[in-house]
Amino acid sequence: MPKYPYGKRSADLLFQTNDRLPELFLLVADLMNTTILPSTIRTKEQQAEFVKSGVSKTMNSKHLTRDAVDAAPWPVDWRVDKALWKAFEKNDIKEAKEIVENIKRWYEFVGIIKGIAHAKKIPIRH
């Protein structure tokens, strides 16, 4: 059992992916609280919408073959770029620091995933 167990929805999504991805993300959950996003499992129709809206670049997505995971550090905070500049413009240093800490958390999250994948020889693309 990981230190930060996944919620039911995240676990259900994760265990629909190929066998190496659950292994990887269970190890990630030992180090950091993580959520698996609903966009992990996609139909061809959903992928077509993602391509049309610019969220994805290809119809040959690994999400369609369940060889990809969309994940984020939990709790998710999507504030970046524009919010950071607005905080600076308002001279709201407290808010700016919170946003910068969130960005650091994302870098830490990606580093953990890449480090574990490398150590376990689990091929990933980022």
C-alpha atoms as a PDB file:
ATOM      1  CA  MET A   1       0.000   0.000   0.000  1.00  0.00           C
ATOM      2  CA  PRO A   2       1.525   3.350  -1.036  1.00  0.00           C
ATOM      3  CA  LYS A   3       2.072   6.113   1.515  1.00  0.00           C
ATOM      4  CA  TYR A   4      -0.467   8.242  -0.410  1.00  0.00           C
ATOM      5  CA  PRO A   5      -3.128   5.751  -1.634  1.00  0.00           C
ATOM      6  CA  TYR A   6      -5.114   6.622  -4.735  1.00  0.00           C
ATOM      7  CA  GLY A   7      -8.805   7.384  -4.528  1.00  0.00           C
ATOM      8  CA  LYS A   8     -11.201   4.931  -6.163  1.00  0.00           C
ATOM      9  CA  ARG A   9     -11.532   6.890  -9.422  1.00  0.00           C
ATOM     10  CA  SER A  10      -7.766   7.328  -9.805  1.00  0.00           C
ATOM     11  CA  ALA A  11      -7.109   3.656  -9.004  1.00  0.00           C
ATOM     12  CA  ASP A  12      -9.794   2.508 -11.466  1.00  0.00           C
ATOM     13  CA  LEU A  13      -8.219   4.621 -14.227  1.00  0.00           C
ATOM     14  CA  LEU A  14      -4.653   3.598 -13.387  1.00  0.00           C
ATOM     15  CA  PHE A  15      -5.398  -0.118 -13.426  1.00  0.00           C
ATOM     16  CA  GLN A  16      -6.912   0.149 -16.908  1.00  0.00           C
ATOM     17  CA  THR A  17      -3.477   1.093 -18.292  1.00  0.00           C
ATOM     18  CA  ASN A  18      -0.666  -1.256 -19.287  1.00  0.00           C
ATOM     19  CA  ASP A  19       1.020  -3.273 -16.551  1.00  0.00           C
ATOM     20  CA  ARG A  20       4.162  -1.122 -16.166  1.00  0.00           C
ATOM     21  CA  LEU A  21       2.296   2.169 -15.617  1.00  0.00           C
ATOM     22  CA  PRO A  22       0.484   1.051 -12.443  1.00  0.00           C
ATOM     23  CA  GLU A  23       3.835  -0.225 -11.138  1.00  0.00           C
ATOM     24  CA  LEU A  24       5.411   3.176 -11.809  1.00  0.00           C
ATOM     25  CA  PHE A  25       2.607   5.276 -10.354  1.00  0.00           C
ATOM     26  CA  LEU A  26       2.222   3.122  -7.231  1.00  0.00           C
ATOM     27  CA  LEU A  27       5.883   3.862  -6.525  1.00  0.00           C
ATOM     28  CA  VAL A  28       5.295   7.562  -7.230  1.00  0.00           C
ATOM     29  CA  ALA A  29       2.447   7.470  -4.680  1.00  0.00           C
ATOM     30  CA  ASP A  30       4.947   6.314  -2.058  1.00  0.00           C
ATOM     31  CA  LEU A  31       6.691   9.684  -2.403  1.00  0.00           C
ATOM     32  CA  MET A  32       4.018  12.192  -3.354  1.00  0.00           C
ATOM     33  CA  ASN A  33       0.261  12.554  -3.219  1.00  0.00           C
ATOM     34  CA  THR A  34      -0.911  12.046  -6.816  1.00  0.00           C
ATOM     35  CA  THR A  35      -4.130  11.933  -8.813  1.00  0.00           C
ATOM     36  CA  ILE A  36      -4.792  10.164 -12.111  1.00  0.00           C
ATOM     37  CA  LEU A  37      -6.781  12.429 -14.420  1.00  0.00           C
ATOM     38  CA  PRO A  38      -9.914  11.298 -16.313  1.00  0.00           C
ATOM     39  CA  SER A  39      -8.195  12.045 -19.647  1.00  0.00           C
ATOM     40  CA  THR A  40      -5.972   8.971 -19.064  1.00  0.00           C
ATOM     41  CA  ILE A  41      -8.502   6.656 -20.728  1.00  0.00           C
ATOM     42  CA  ARG A  42      -9.840   8.011 -24.029  1.00  0.00           C
ATOM     43  CA  THR A  43     -12.140   6.909 -26.802  1.00  0.00           C
ATOM     44  CA  LYS A  44     -11.326   7.741 -30.425  1.00  0.00           C
ATOM     45  CA  GLU A  45     -14.093  10.350 -30.301  1.00  0.00           C
ATOM     46  CA  GLN A  46     -12.590  12.025 -27.224  1.00  0.00           C
ATOM     47  CA  GLN A  47      -9.152  11.978 -28.826  1.00  0.00           C
ATOM     48  CA  ALA A  48     -10.588  13.603 -31.972  1.00  0.00           C
ATOM     49  CA  GLU A  49     -12.021  16.380 -29.777  1.00  0.00           C
ATOM     50  CA  PHE A  50      -8.647  16.822 -28.058  1.00  0.00           C
ATOM     51  CA  VAL A  51      -6.948  17.123 -31.453  1.00  0.00           C
ATOM     52  CA  LYS A  52      -9.590  19.541 -32.720  1.00  0.00           C
ATOM     53  CA  SER A  53      -9.270  21.754 -29.627  1.00  0.00           C
ATOM     54  CA  GLY A  54      -5.456  21.650 -29.668  1.00  0.00           C
ATOM     55  CA  VAL A  55      -5.097  19.699 -26.415  1.00  0.00           C
ATOM     56  CA  SER A  56      -3.480  16.835 -28.349  1.00  0.00           C
ATOM     57  CA  LYS A  57      -1.529  16.811 -31.595  1.00  0.00           C
ATOM     58  CA  THR A  58      -2.246  13.333 -32.936  1.00  0.00           C
ATOM     59  CA  MET A  59      -4.894  10.674 -33.383  1.00  0.00           C
ATOM     60  CA  ASN A  60      -2.147   8.104 -32.668  1.00  0.00           C
ATOM     61  CA  SER A  61      -2.208   8.848 -28.944  1.00  0.00           C
ATOM     62  CA  LYS A  62      -0.868   6.258 -26.527  1.00  0.00           C
ATOM     63  CA  HIS A  63      -3.967   6.994 -24.449  1.00  0.00           C
ATOM     64  CA  LEU A  64      -6.016   5.071 -27.028  1.00  0.00           C
ATOM     65  CA  THR A  65      -3.903   1.946 -26.442  1.00  0.00           C
ATOM     66  CA  ARG A  66      -3.790   2.549 -22.672  1.00  0.00           C
ATOM     67  CA  ASP A  67      -0.056   3.129 -22.766  1.00  0.00           C
ATOM     68  CA  ALA A  68      -0.204   6.641 -21.266  1.00  0.00           C
ATOM     69  CA  VAL A  69      -1.237   8.256 -17.999  1.00  0.00           C
ATOM     70  CA  ASP A  70      -2.301  11.819 -17.311  1.00  0.00           C
ATOM     71  CA  ALA A  71      -1.432  12.533 -13.692  1.00  0.00           C
ATOM     72  CA  ALA A  72      -0.918  15.501 -11.408  1.00  0.00           C
ATOM     73  CA  PRO A  73       0.308  16.206  -7.906  1.00  0.00           C
ATOM     74  CA  TRP A  74      -2.629  16.340  -5.498  1.00  0.00           C
ATOM     75  CA  PRO A  75      -4.223  18.703  -4.706  1.00  0.00           C
ATOM     76  CA  VAL A  76      -4.227  20.030  -8.253  1.00  0.00           C
ATOM     77  CA  ASP A  77      -3.585  23.742  -8.710  1.00  0.00           C
ATOM     78  CA  TRP A  78      -3.567  24.820 -12.352  1.00  0.00           C
ATOM     79  CA  ARG A  79      -2.625  28.454 -11.679  1.00  0.00           C
ATOM     80  CA  VAL A  80       0.500  29.452 -13.584  1.00  0.00           C
ATOM     81  CA  ASP A  81       1.698  32.007 -16.141  1.00  0.00           C
ATOM     82  CA  LYS A  82      -1.152  34.545 -16.307  1.00  0.00           C
ATOM     83  CA  ALA A  83      -1.979  34.265 -12.621  1.00  0.00           C
ATOM     84  CA  LEU A  84       1.674  34.740 -11.690  1.00  0.00           C
ATOM     85  CA  TRP A  85       2.004  37.884 -13.809  1.00  0.00           C
ATOM     86  CA  LYS A  86      -1.267  39.255 -12.429  1.00  0.00           C
ATOM     87  CA  ALA A  87       0.017  38.672  -8.901  1.00  0.00           C
ATOM     88  CA  PHE A  88       3.184  40.603  -9.729  1.00  0.00           C
ATOM     89  CA  GLU A  89       1.180  43.418 -11.337  1.00  0.00           C
ATOM     90  CA  LYS A  90      -0.960  43.672  -8.170  1.00  0.00           C
ATOM     91  CA  ASN A  91       2.240  43.505  -6.113  1.00  0.00           C
ATOM     92  CA  ASP A  92       0.681  40.500  -4.321  1.00  0.00           C
ATOM     93  CA  ILE A  93       3.882  38.804  -3.237  1.00  0.00           C
ATOM     94  CA  LYS A  94       2.064  36.212  -1.092  1.00  0.00           C
ATOM     95  CA  GLU A  95       0.013  34.976  -4.058  1.00  0.00           C
ATOM     96  CA  ALA A  96       3.075  35.022  -6.321  1.00  0.00           C
ATOM     97  CA  LYS A  97       4.994  32.871  -3.812  1.00  0.00           C
ATOM     98  CA  GLU A  98       2.100  30.372  -3.676  1.00  0.00           C
ATOM     99  CA  ILE A  99       2.102  30.084  -7.467  1.00  0.00           C
ATOM    100  CA  VAL A 100       5.881  29.636  -7.585  1.00  0.00           C
ATOM    101  CA  GLU A 101       5.625  26.904  -4.929  1.00  0.00           C
ATOM    102  CA  ASN A 102       3.013  25.175  -7.100  1.00  0.00           C
ATOM    103  CA  ILE A 103       5.376  25.313 -10.096  1.00  0.00           C
ATOM    104  CA  LYS A 104       8.166  23.808  -7.966  1.00  0.00           C
ATOM    105  CA  ARG A 105       5.787  21.014  -6.940  1.00  0.00           C
ATOM    106  CA  TRP A 106       5.149  20.172 -10.597  1.00  0.00           C
ATOM    107  CA  TYR A 107       8.905  19.995 -11.305  1.00  0.00           C
ATOM    108  CA  GLU A 108       9.349  17.756  -8.268  1.00  0.00           C
ATOM    109  CA  PHE A 109       6.488  15.551  -9.478  1.00  0.00           C
ATOM    110  CA  VAL A 110       7.986  15.131 -12.958  1.00  0.00           C
ATOM    111  CA  GLY A 111      11.426  14.456 -11.467  1.00  0.00           C
ATOM    112  CA  ILE A 112      10.032  11.709  -9.240  1.00  0.00           C
ATOM    113  CA  ILE A 113       8.282  10.042 -12.182  1.00  0.00           C
ATOM    114  CA  LYS A 114      11.354  10.241 -14.423  1.00  0.00           C
ATOM    115  CA  GLY A 115      13.684   9.012 -11.674  1.00  0.00           C
ATOM    116  CA  ILE A 116      11.565   5.985 -10.790  1.00  0.00           C
ATOM    117  CA  ALA A 117      10.954   5.141 -14.455  1.00  0.00           C
ATOM    118  CA  HIS A 118      14.691   5.271 -15.130  1.00  0.00           C
ATOM    119  CA  ALA A 119      15.565   3.159 -12.072  1.00  0.00           C
ATOM    120  CA  LYS A 120      12.912   0.538 -12.918  1.00  0.00           C
ATOM    121  CA  LYS A 121      13.641   0.650 -16.677  1.00  0.00           C
ATOM    122  CA  ILE A 122      10.058   1.631 -17.448  1.00  0.00           C
ATOM    123  CA  PRO A 123      10.055   3.482 -20.765  1.00  0.00           C
ATOM    124  CA  ILE A 124       8.218   6.788 -20.645  1.00  0.00           C
ATOM    125  CA  ARG A 125       7.820   9.753 -22.949  1.00  0.00           C
ATOM    126  CA  HIS A 126       7.196  13.180 -21.494  1.00  0.00           C
END
